Amino acid sequence: MVACVAAFARNLRWHAVREAFRAADAGLLLAAMLLWVPCTALQAVRWYSLVRAVKPLPLFTVLSCSYVGQAASAVLPMRAGEAVRTELLARSAGLPRAVALGTVAIDHTVNGVVMLFLAATLPLFLPVPAWTRAVVWIGVVLAATLFAVMLRLARTPSQRLHPPGKLMAAVLRLRSGLIGLRTPRAVLGAFGAALTAWGLEIATVMVALAAFHLPHSIPPAMAVLLGINLALAIPAPPANLGSFELGAGFALVALGGDQDRAAAFALGLHALQVLPTLLVGSLFLFRFRRRQIAAAAHVAAHPSEVEEAAGFTERLPAES
């Protein structure tokens, strides 16, 4: 990934990239940024729909955990913000880490299913290469399979005559966070929020494309988002710096766009997403107690502790 980013950057004419920035429509960039904020809020609502099936919580609590986690991912490598939001939810709600981790897992699964099914419609609008169609449909099958496995795990476990072993005990603890999938209201709410969030994200990209005087219909915007998300499948530096630009730029160049203008667009789109996320996340940080922030910072530095949450047996006390 580093080599690909370096090769893409080396072939750019940076003076042309600067000129593309100067020619960009500032009003449209501001409009794209304003569209992005409710998009991230809907991503939190998607998670909230699944969390409240586990334990009724105020929307503001889940919103705060989500925004602080997103802001943490913007400054920490390897998407450590996921560990941050898991820890904050566990401590705010008094849930075991394993349960909080389960809600994050199904949140990502719902988001992935919606994204891939939207991406599967792209060949209807654009002449995408055969390998792209294959990757998308393989992803759809894998996402659907994962969702089916989680639905199976979310079922009420049968009574056991003997104490479970370590592996089964870990599965039983994790599945407690999946019970949102047993509630039709939670599932419909999560998928509804996911669809709306993706719709807003497509609109954000369309407006940003227009700001840089690039083709800005729905298909190119969807292609850009697909390219970004394929690139983000590989863990990356803070804020996915480099891989985000590579995915967006590659998608536009593949559609026949100018490489330098595509690079300017990718940098601009990334900035208009990261800056408001950092600002809103910093504001929500004041909602948490110092102990909660310290615990979240600890798991951000040691994310393996969250990965080992299946072995976590005690319920964390709720800290309001």
Protein backbone atom coordinates (compact mmCIF):
# COMPACT_ATOMS: atom_id res chain seq x y z
CA MET A 1 0.00 0.00 0.00
CA VAL A 2 2.84 2.42 0.88
CA ALA A 3 4.51 1.69 -2.47
CA CYS A 4 1.25 2.34 -4.35
CA VAL A 5 0.72 5.65 -2.58
CA ALA A 6 4.33 6.67 -3.24
CA ALA A 7 4.03 5.78 -6.94
CA PHE A 8 0.76 7.71 -7.28
CA ALA A 9 2.24 10.79 -5.56
CA ARG A 10 5.49 10.67 -7.54
CA ASN A 11 3.66 10.91 -10.86
CA LEU A 12 1.69 13.99 -9.87
CA ARG A 13 2.42 17.49 -11.12
CA TRP A 14 2.07 19.29 -7.81
CA HIS A 15 1.83 22.73 -9.38
CA ALA A 16 -1.24 21.46 -11.30
CA VAL A 17 -2.69 20.09 -8.05
CA ARG A 18 -2.29 23.53 -6.45
CA GLU A 19 -3.99 25.16 -9.46
CA ALA A 20 -6.90 22.71 -9.13
CA PHE A 21 -7.28 23.78 -5.49
CA ARG A 22 -7.26 27.46 -6.47
CA ALA A 23 -9.93 26.85 -9.09
CA ALA A 24 -12.19 24.88 -6.71
CA ASP A 25 -15.56 26.39 -5.72
CA ALA A 26 -15.27 27.28 -2.02
CA GLY A 27 -19.05 27.53 -1.61
CA LEU A 28 -19.58 24.00 -2.87
CA LEU A 29 -16.79 22.70 -0.63
CA LEU A 30 -18.52 24.29 2.37
CA ALA A 31 -21.81 22.72 1.28
CA ALA A 32 -20.12 19.31 1.06
CA MET A 33 -18.72 19.74 4.56
CA LEU A 34 -22.16 20.64 5.91
CA LEU A 35 -23.60 17.51 4.29
CA TRP A 36 -20.90 15.37 5.88
CA VAL A 37 -21.82 16.27 9.48
CA PRO A 38 -25.36 14.75 9.42
CA CYS A 39 -23.89 11.79 7.54
CA THR A 40 -21.62 10.97 10.50
CA ALA A 41 -24.54 11.55 12.88
CA LEU A 42 -26.58 8.97 10.98
CA GLN A 43 -23.69 6.51 11.28
CA ALA A 44 -24.02 6.93 15.05
CA VAL A 45 -27.81 6.47 14.81
CA ARG A 46 -27.18 3.20 12.96
CA TRP A 47 -25.10 1.97 15.90
CA TYR A 48 -27.62 3.33 18.41
CA SER A 49 -30.41 1.28 16.81
CA LEU A 50 -28.44 -1.88 17.63
CA VAL A 51 -27.16 -0.78 21.04
CA ARG A 52 -30.57 0.11 22.47
CA ALA A 53 -31.74 -3.47 21.88
CA VAL A 54 -29.02 -4.55 24.31
CA LYS A 55 -29.60 -1.80 26.87
CA PRO A 56 -31.81 1.31 26.62
CA LEU A 57 -29.50 4.32 26.48
CA PRO A 58 -29.93 7.98 25.53
CA LEU A 59 -29.09 8.68 21.89
CA PHE A 60 -26.70 11.38 23.09
CA THR A 61 -24.56 8.79 24.90
CA VAL A 62 -24.07 6.62 21.82
CA LEU A 63 -23.61 9.70 19.64
CA SER A 64 -20.84 10.91 21.96
CA CYS A 65 -19.05 7.53 21.92
CA SER A 66 -19.28 7.38 18.13
CA TYR A 67 -17.96 10.88 17.48
CA VAL A 68 -15.07 10.56 19.93
CA GLY A 69 -14.18 7.22 18.33
CA GLN A 70 -14.22 8.76 14.86
CA ALA A 71 -12.04 11.65 16.03
CA ALA A 72 -9.62 9.18 17.65
CA SER A 73 -9.32 7.27 14.35
CA ALA A 74 -8.33 10.56 12.72
CA VAL A 75 -5.27 10.93 14.96
CA LEU A 76 -4.40 7.31 15.82
CA PRO A 77 -3.19 4.54 13.47
CA MET A 78 -4.80 1.19 12.72
CA ARG A 79 -8.34 2.50 13.34
CA ALA A 80 -7.76 2.59 17.09
CA GLY A 81 -10.89 4.72 17.35
CA GLU A 82 -12.92 1.50 17.18
CA ALA A 83 -11.35 0.40 20.45
CA VAL A 84 -12.03 3.86 21.88
CA ARG A 85 -15.76 3.85 21.09
CA THR A 86 -16.08 0.27 22.39
CA GLU A 87 -14.46 1.20 25.70
CA LEU A 88 -16.46 4.40 26.09
CA LEU A 89 -19.72 2.58 25.45
CA ALA A 90 -18.82 -0.17 27.92
CA ARG A 91 -17.99 2.33 30.66
CA SER A 92 -20.88 4.70 29.94
CA ALA A 93 -23.49 1.94 29.87
CA GLY A 94 -21.98 -0.44 32.43
CA LEU A 95 -21.66 -3.20 29.82
CA PRO A 96 -19.01 -5.89 29.55
CA ARG A 97 -16.47 -5.07 26.87
CA ALA A 98 -17.47 -8.24 25.02
CA VAL A 99 -21.06 -7.03 24.71
CA ALA A 100 -19.98 -3.56 23.54
CA LEU A 101 -17.64 -5.21 21.04
CA GLY A 102 -20.53 -7.30 19.73
CA THR A 103 -22.58 -4.18 18.98
CA VAL A 104 -19.65 -2.68 17.07
CA ALA A 105 -19.27 -5.91 15.08
CA ILE A 106 -22.89 -5.95 13.89
CA ASP A 107 -22.73 -2.19 13.23
CA HIS A 108 -19.85 -2.77 10.80
CA THR A 109 -21.65 -5.76 9.28
CA VAL A 110 -24.84 -3.81 8.58
CA ASN A 111 -22.80 -0.97 7.08
CA GLY A 112 -20.81 -3.37 4.92
CA VAL A 113 -23.89 -5.18 3.63
CA VAL A 114 -25.54 -1.91 2.57
CA MET A 115 -22.35 -0.56 0.98
CA LEU A 116 -21.71 -3.71 -1.05
CA PHE A 117 -25.28 -4.04 -2.26
CA LEU A 118 -25.15 -0.41 -3.42
CA ALA A 119 -21.80 -1.09 -5.10
CA ALA A 120 -23.30 -4.11 -6.86
CA THR A 121 -25.55 -1.73 -8.82
CA LEU A 122 -22.57 0.22 -10.18
CA PRO A 123 -22.08 -1.97 -13.31
CA LEU A 124 -25.61 -0.95 -14.35
CA PHE A 125 -24.41 2.65 -14.74
CA LEU A 126 -20.70 2.46 -15.55
CA PRO A 127 -18.52 0.17 -17.72
CA VAL A 128 -16.46 -1.17 -14.80
CA PRO A 129 -13.72 -3.80 -15.38
CA ALA A 130 -14.57 -7.46 -14.91
CA TRP A 131 -12.24 -7.74 -11.89
CA THR A 132 -14.14 -4.93 -10.16
CA ARG A 133 -17.45 -6.73 -10.66
CA ALA A 134 -15.89 -9.92 -9.33
CA VAL A 135 -14.51 -8.17 -6.23
CA VAL A 136 -17.86 -6.50 -5.52
CA TRP A 137 -19.89 -9.69 -5.85
CA ILE A 138 -17.41 -11.70 -3.79
CA GLY A 139 -17.74 -8.99 -1.15
CA VAL A 140 -21.56 -9.19 -1.33
CA VAL A 141 -21.45 -12.96 -0.80
CA LEU A 142 -18.99 -12.66 2.09
CA ALA A 143 -20.99 -9.87 3.75
CA ALA A 144 -24.24 -11.80 3.39
CA THR A 145 -22.56 -14.91 4.83
CA LEU A 146 -21.19 -12.94 7.77
CA PHE A 147 -24.60 -11.42 8.41
CA ALA A 148 -26.19 -14.89 8.34
CA VAL A 149 -23.58 -16.18 10.82
CA MET A 150 -24.30 -13.27 13.15
CA LEU A 151 -28.04 -13.91 12.87
CA ARG A 152 -27.38 -17.50 13.88
CA LEU A 153 -25.23 -16.43 16.83
CA ALA A 154 -27.86 -13.89 17.90
CA ARG A 155 -30.42 -16.63 18.45
CA THR A 156 -31.26 -17.47 22.06
CA PRO A 157 -28.79 -20.21 23.08
CA SER A 158 -30.22 -23.56 24.07
CA GLN A 159 -29.90 -24.83 27.62
CA ARG A 160 -26.63 -26.62 28.27
CA LEU A 161 -26.29 -29.61 30.57
CA HIS A 162 -22.61 -29.01 31.20
CA PRO A 163 -20.60 -25.83 31.79
CA PRO A 164 -19.29 -24.42 28.49
CA GLY A 165 -15.61 -24.60 27.61
CA LYS A 166 -13.46 -21.50 27.21
CA LEU A 167 -14.22 -21.08 23.51
CA MET A 168 -17.97 -21.55 23.92
CA ALA A 169 -17.99 -19.23 26.95
CA ALA A 170 -16.30 -16.56 24.84
CA VAL A 171 -18.90 -17.00 22.08
CA LEU A 172 -21.75 -16.79 24.60
CA ARG A 173 -20.39 -13.51 25.99
CA LEU A 174 -19.88 -11.98 22.56
CA ARG A 175 -23.31 -13.04 21.33
CA SER A 176 -24.90 -10.96 24.08
CA GLY A 177 -23.95 -7.92 22.01
CA LEU A 178 -25.65 -9.36 18.93
CA ILE A 179 -29.17 -9.53 20.32
CA GLY A 180 -30.08 -6.42 18.35
CA LEU A 181 -30.37 -8.74 15.36
CA ARG A 182 -33.24 -10.53 17.15
CA THR A 183 -35.26 -7.30 17.22
CA PRO A 184 -36.88 -6.35 13.89
CA ARG A 185 -37.18 -2.72 14.99
CA ALA A 186 -33.45 -2.54 15.71
CA VAL A 187 -32.50 -4.19 12.41
CA LEU A 188 -34.84 -2.00 10.35
CA GLY A 189 -33.61 1.11 12.18
CA ALA A 190 -29.97 0.20 11.56
CA PHE A 191 -30.49 -0.55 7.86
CA GLY A 192 -32.62 2.57 7.43
CA ALA A 193 -29.95 4.76 9.04
CA ALA A 194 -27.24 3.03 6.97
CA LEU A 195 -29.08 3.63 3.69
CA THR A 196 -29.74 7.27 4.57
CA ALA A 197 -26.11 7.78 5.63
CA TRP A 198 -24.83 6.32 2.36
CA GLY A 199 -27.26 8.50 0.44
CA LEU A 200 -25.88 11.59 2.18
CA GLU A 201 -22.32 10.41 1.63
CA ILE A 202 -22.99 9.99 -2.09
CA ALA A 203 -24.46 13.50 -2.12
CA THR A 204 -21.37 14.83 -0.28
CA VAL A 205 -19.07 13.32 -2.89
CA MET A 206 -21.22 14.66 -5.74
CA VAL A 207 -21.01 18.20 -4.37
CA ALA A 208 -17.25 17.87 -3.80
CA LEU A 209 -16.78 16.59 -7.36
CA ALA A 210 -18.72 19.60 -8.64
CA ALA A 211 -16.50 21.90 -6.56
CA PHE A 212 -13.44 20.59 -8.43
CA HIS A 213 -15.24 20.78 -11.82
CA LEU A 214 -15.28 17.00 -12.25
CA PRO A 215 -18.18 14.81 -13.51
CA HIS A 216 -20.55 14.80 -10.54
CA SER A 217 -23.46 12.48 -11.28
CA ILE A 218 -24.39 9.60 -8.98
CA PRO A 219 -22.33 6.84 -10.74
CA PRO A 220 -18.94 8.63 -10.47
CA ALA A 221 -19.68 9.47 -6.82
CA MET A 222 -20.48 5.81 -6.11
CA ALA A 223 -17.32 4.72 -7.93
CA VAL A 224 -15.23 7.10 -5.78
CA LEU A 225 -16.76 5.72 -2.59
CA LEU A 226 -16.17 2.14 -3.73
CA GLY A 227 -12.54 2.95 -4.52
CA ILE A 228 -12.04 4.59 -1.12
CA ASN A 229 -13.60 1.72 0.81
CA LEU A 230 -11.63 -0.92 -1.08
CA ALA A 231 -8.43 0.98 -0.22
CA LEU A 232 -9.48 1.35 3.42
CA ALA A 233 -9.84 -2.43 3.77
CA ILE A 234 -6.12 -2.41 4.63
CA PRO A 235 -5.24 -0.86 8.03
CA ALA A 236 -3.52 2.44 7.51
CA PRO A 237 -1.92 5.46 9.23
CA PRO A 238 -4.02 7.98 11.20
CA ALA A 239 -7.11 9.22 9.31
CA ASN A 240 -6.29 6.62 6.60
CA LEU A 241 -3.92 9.21 5.18
CA GLY A 242 -2.63 8.07 1.81
CA SER A 243 -4.89 5.08 1.28
CA PHE A 244 -7.98 7.34 1.18
CA GLU A 245 -6.41 9.54 -1.50
CA LEU A 246 -5.18 6.52 -3.44
CA GLY A 247 -8.66 4.94 -3.54
CA ALA A 248 -10.45 8.14 -4.57
CA GLY A 249 -7.79 9.17 -7.08
CA PHE A 250 -7.54 5.73 -8.66
CA ALA A 251 -11.33 5.56 -9.13
CA LEU A 252 -11.43 8.94 -10.89
CA VAL A 253 -8.43 8.20 -13.10
CA ALA A 254 -10.00 4.85 -14.05
CA LEU A 255 -13.08 6.78 -15.19
CA GLY A 256 -10.90 8.95 -17.45
CA GLY A 257 -10.32 11.87 -15.08
CA ASP A 258 -7.20 14.02 -14.98
CA GLN A 259 -4.74 12.62 -12.44
CA ASP A 260 -3.74 15.98 -10.95
CA ARG A 261 -7.31 17.21 -10.54
CA ALA A 262 -8.28 13.81 -9.13
CA ALA A 263 -5.51 14.13 -6.53
CA ALA A 264 -6.68 17.63 -5.57
CA PHE A 265 -10.24 16.34 -5.21
CA ALA A 266 -9.12 13.40 -3.06
CA LEU A 267 -7.13 15.65 -0.73
CA GLY A 268 -10.00 18.14 -0.51
CA LEU A 269 -12.64 15.47 0.15
CA HIS A 270 -10.50 13.93 2.87
CA ALA A 271 -9.94 17.29 4.54
CA LEU A 272 -13.62 18.26 4.53
CA GLN A 273 -14.40 14.95 6.26
CA VAL A 274 -11.59 14.91 8.82
CA LEU A 275 -11.79 18.53 10.01
CA PRO A 276 -15.46 18.57 11.15
CA THR A 277 -15.05 15.07 12.62
CA LEU A 278 -12.14 16.28 14.75
CA LEU A 279 -14.04 19.40 15.80
CA VAL A 280 -17.28 17.62 16.77
CA GLY A 281 -15.39 14.74 18.40
CA SER A 282 -13.39 17.19 20.51
CA LEU A 283 -16.60 18.87 21.69
CA PHE A 284 -18.18 15.54 22.65
CA LEU A 285 -15.02 14.60 24.55
CA PHE A 286 -16.06 17.02 27.32
CA ARG A 287 -19.12 14.85 27.97
CA PHE A 288 -16.98 12.07 29.49
CA ARG A 289 -15.32 11.88 32.87
CA ARG A 290 -11.55 11.91 33.19
CA ARG A 291 -11.50 8.23 34.19
CA GLN A 292 -13.45 7.24 31.09
CA ILE A 293 -11.12 9.21 28.83
CA ALA A 294 -8.07 7.67 30.51
CA ALA A 295 -9.50 4.16 30.04
CA ALA A 296 -10.26 4.87 26.39
CA ALA A 297 -6.74 6.24 25.86
CA HIS A 298 -5.32 3.08 27.45
CA VAL A 299 -7.20 0.71 25.13
CA ALA A 300 -6.28 2.90 22.15
CA ALA A 301 -2.64 2.26 23.03
CA HIS A 302 -3.35 -1.42 23.79
CA PRO A 303 -6.16 -2.44 21.38
CA SER A 304 -5.45 -6.13 22.05
CA GLU A 305 -7.28 -5.69 25.35
CA VAL A 306 -10.50 -5.10 23.43
CA GLU A 307 -9.73 -7.97 21.07
CA GLU A 308 -9.43 -10.17 24.16
CA ALA A 309 -12.79 -8.90 25.43
CA ALA A 310 -14.32 -12.32 24.91
CA GLY A 311 -12.54 -13.31 28.07
CA PHE A 312 -13.85 -10.33 30.01
CA THR A 313 -16.37 -11.57 32.53
CA GLU A 314 -17.14 -8.69 34.84
CA ARG A 315 -19.56 -5.92 34.04
CA LEU A 316 -18.00 -2.46 34.09
CA PRO A 317 -19.82 -0.03 36.39
CA ALA A 318 -21.77 2.63 34.55
CA GLU A 319 -20.09 6.02 34.82
CA SER A 320 -22.40 8.90 33.97
